C-alpha atoms as a PDB file:
ATOM      1  CA  MET A   1      44.198   6.807  36.639  1.00  0.00           C
ATOM      2  CA  LEU A   2      45.654   8.516  39.711  1.00  0.00           C
ATOM      3  CA  ARG A   3      49.111   8.472  38.140  1.00  0.00           C
ATOM      4  CA  ILE A   4      47.886  10.246  34.958  1.00  0.00           C
ATOM      5  CA  THR A   5      46.000  12.888  36.965  1.00  0.00           C
ATOM      6  CA  LEU A   6      49.014  13.556  39.159  1.00  0.00           C
ATOM      7  CA  THR A   7      51.277  13.830  36.104  1.00  0.00           C
ATOM      8  CA  LEU A   8      48.914  16.296  34.399  1.00  0.00           C
ATOM      9  CA  LEU A   9      48.728  18.370  37.571  1.00  0.00           C
ATOM     10  CA  VAL A  10      52.514  18.549  37.858  1.00  0.00           C
ATOM     11  CA  VAL A  11      52.836  19.524  34.173  1.00  0.00           C
ATOM     12  CA  ALA A  12      50.171  22.235  34.554  1.00  0.00           C
ATOM     13  CA  VAL A  13      51.887  23.720  37.615  1.00  0.00           C
ATOM     14  CA  ALA A  14      55.253  23.646  35.834  1.00  0.00           C
ATOM     15  CA  LEU A  15      53.799  25.484  32.813  1.00  0.00           C
ATOM     16  CA  VAL A  16      52.211  28.148  34.985  1.00  0.00           C
ATOM     17  CA  LEU A  17      55.454  28.699  36.870  1.00  0.00           C
ATOM     18  CA  ALA A  18      57.482  28.761  33.642  1.00  0.00           C
ATOM     19  CA  PHE A  19      55.278  31.157  31.637  1.00  0.00           C
ATOM     20  CA  GLY A  20      53.910  33.301  34.476  1.00  0.00           C
ATOM     21  CA  PRO A  21      56.860  35.727  34.610  1.00  0.00           C
ATOM     22  CA  LEU A  22      56.881  36.041  30.810  1.00  0.00           C
ATOM     23  CA  VAL A  23      53.285  37.226  30.768  1.00  0.00           C
ATOM     24  CA  GLN A  24      54.027  39.899  33.367  1.00  0.00           C
ATOM     25  CA  ALA A  25      57.165  41.028  31.517  1.00  0.00           C
ATOM     26  CA  GLN A  26      55.220  41.761  28.319  1.00  0.00           C
ATOM     27  CA  GLN A  27      52.860  44.297  29.919  1.00  0.00           C
ATOM     28  CA  PRO A  28      53.770  47.933  29.228  1.00  0.00           C
ATOM     29  CA  PRO A  29      54.850  50.044  32.201  1.00  0.00           C
ATOM     30  CA  GLN A  30      52.066  51.969  33.879  1.00  0.00           C
ATOM     31  CA  PRO A  31      52.159  55.769  33.516  1.00  0.00           C
ATOM     32  CA  PRO A  32      52.518  57.776  36.713  1.00  0.00           C
ATOM     33  CA  PRO A  33      49.302  58.892  38.434  1.00  0.00           C
ATOM     34  CA  THR A  34      47.752  62.103  37.142  1.00  0.00           C
ATOM     35  CA  TRP A  35      48.669  64.046  40.265  1.00  0.00           C
ATOM     36  CA  LYS A  36      52.338  63.135  39.789  1.00  0.00           C
ATOM     37  CA  GLN A  37      52.574  64.082  36.098  1.00  0.00           C
ATOM     38  CA  GLY A  38      54.274  67.394  35.465  1.00  0.00           C
ATOM     39  CA  GLN A  39      56.291  67.379  38.693  1.00  0.00           C
ATOM     40  CA  PRO A  40      59.788  68.777  38.476  1.00  0.00           C
ATOM     41  CA  SER A  41      62.598  66.220  38.325  1.00  0.00           C
ATOM     42  CA  SER A  42      63.738  67.184  41.824  1.00  0.00           C
ATOM     43  CA  MET A  43      60.448  65.863  43.230  1.00  0.00           C
ATOM     44  CA  ALA A  44      60.279  62.699  41.080  1.00  0.00           C
ATOM     45  CA  ASP A  45      60.960  60.405  44.057  1.00  0.00           C
ATOM     46  CA  SER A  46      58.620  62.206  46.435  1.00  0.00           C
ATOM     47  CA  PRO A  47      55.913  59.930  47.905  1.00  0.00           C
ATOM     48  CA  LEU A  48      53.773  62.909  48.893  1.00  0.00           C
ATOM     49  CA  ALA A  49      50.413  63.342  47.223  1.00  0.00           C
ATOM     50  CA  PRO A  50      48.682  66.713  46.945  1.00  0.00           C
ATOM     51  CA  ILE A  51      46.091  67.747  49.507  1.00  0.00           C
ATOM     52  CA  ALA A  52      42.635  67.004  48.163  1.00  0.00           C
ATOM     53  CA  GLN A  53      40.308  69.944  47.651  1.00  0.00           C
ATOM     54  CA  PRO A  54      36.911  69.928  49.337  1.00  0.00           C
ATOM     55  CA  PRO A  55      34.014  69.026  47.055  1.00  0.00           C
ATOM     56  CA  ALA A  56      32.328  71.806  45.150  1.00  0.00           C
ATOM     57  CA  PRO A  57      28.924  72.936  46.435  1.00  0.00           C
ATOM     58  CA  LYS A  58      25.916  71.330  44.769  1.00  0.00           C
ATOM     59  CA  ALA A  59      23.301  73.152  42.783  1.00  0.00           C
ATOM     60  CA  PRO A  60      20.030  73.750  44.689  1.00  0.00           C
ATOM     61  CA  GLY A  61      18.211  71.204  42.536  1.00  0.00           C
ATOM     62  CA  GLU A  62      20.713  68.451  43.381  1.00  0.00           C
ATOM     63  CA  ILE A  63      20.357  68.752  47.169  1.00  0.00           C
ATOM     64  CA  PRO A  64      18.038  66.047  48.534  1.00  0.00           C
ATOM     65  CA  SER A  65      15.111  67.429  50.479  1.00  0.00           C
ATOM     66  CA  THR A  66      13.675  65.685  53.543  1.00  0.00           C
ATOM     67  CA  ARG A  67      10.469  67.726  53.373  1.00  0.00           C
ATOM     68  CA  SER A  68       7.580  66.345  51.406  1.00  0.00           C
ATOM     69  CA  ARG A  69       6.541  68.508  48.548  1.00  0.00           C
ATOM     70  CA  SER A  70       2.915  69.527  48.446  1.00  0.00           C
ATOM     71  CA  ARG A  71       0.877  71.631  46.098  1.00  0.00           C
ATOM     72  CA  PRO A  72       0.808  75.320  46.961  1.00  0.00           C
ATOM     73  CA  ASP A  73      -3.016  75.399  46.977  1.00  0.00           C
ATOM     74  CA  SER A  74      -3.419  72.550  49.483  1.00  0.00           C
ATOM     75  CA  ARG A  75      -4.536  73.403  53.030  1.00  0.00           C
ATOM     76  CA  SER A  76      -3.752  71.762  56.288  1.00  0.00           C
ATOM     77  CA  ARG A  77      -6.140  69.023  57.375  1.00  0.00           C
ATOM     78  CA  SER A  78      -7.014  70.548  60.741  1.00  0.00           C
ATOM     79  CA  GLY A  79      -9.693  72.781  59.243  1.00  0.00           C
ATOM     80  CA  ARG A  80      -8.706  75.678  61.463  1.00  0.00           C
ATOM     81  CA  THR A  81      -7.723  79.038  60.166  1.00  0.00           C
ATOM     82  CA  ALA A  82      -5.855  81.830  61.887  1.00  0.00           C
ATOM     83  CA  SER A  83      -9.088  83.698  62.597  1.00  0.00           C
ATOM     84  CA  THR A  84     -10.803  80.789  64.457  1.00  0.00           C
ATOM     85  CA  THR A  85      -7.942  79.776  66.718  1.00  0.00           C
ATOM     86  CA  ARG A  86      -7.818  81.071  70.265  1.00  0.00           C
ATOM     87  CA  ALA A  87      -4.782  81.859  72.289  1.00  0.00           C
END
């Protein structure tokens, strides 16, 4: 039993090593990254990437607010008004 298992393991490893490079060779070449497309031929070997732009500002509705939103007609719970407070 051990001899059969060892033989199958050796055959499996041999198949993986034999057909592994063939699988990689059949894949099409990857296109260049989008930032490198359209470069002149003089800069084709340049490893430099462009400087990233800062993110665009968000719309006012997309900015998270830390304040709790309350109804405009709600009053504070202290019960005091500006006329009853003393300095």
